[in-house]
Amino acid sequence: MTDTGLPVLKEWVVRVFYKKGFVDPLGEMARRDMLDLGMLDVTEVSMIPTYIINGSLNRESVERACEELLADPITQSYTVNAPPKLEDGWVVEVRLKPGVTDFVGESVKKGLAIIGISGVESVKTGATYLIKGEMREEELKFLCVKTIVNPLIHDFHIHGGKP
């Protein structure tokens, strides 16, 4: 607990996504790349920037970081420590491999310090993709490696699909 009585967590996972009615340009680009590879059943792709913030922070500080630095209040919204949800489709979590320099994470950490948020030890970045369409997991793995993942620098995990 902090002096304000708010709980302090060591790790916060922030996902920033476009609000309904706004185009997700990186998600749309990934979808078109998948269509170009012949996966015509891919109907929708959302790319959600993901930030893993480590340090002694309370939720109030993390919410402030989201509102002042990480999300555009007009076009985007965010979740904090909420798992990605997709009722009918796949979730692909992409992260940099250990040892790969995370330049965006370093910039976010500096930005947090500039706006007065202290206690941040590190920021790691990644992406959460929500993919809708009829395909097998093996097909999705192929698509990921060809479109959204560089296996030399990224690890990725796939969740969801139809049982």
Foldseek 3Di string as FASTA:
>chain_A
DDPVPFQWDFKKKKWKFWDPPDDQVVFVVLLVLLVVVVQPFWDTKTKIKMKIWGFGDGPVLVVCLCPPPNYDVPTMDMDMPDDDDDPAFKKKWKFWDPPDDAPVFVVSVVVSVVVPNDGTPTMGITIIMTIHGDDDPVSVVVSCCSGPDPVVTMDMDMDDHDD
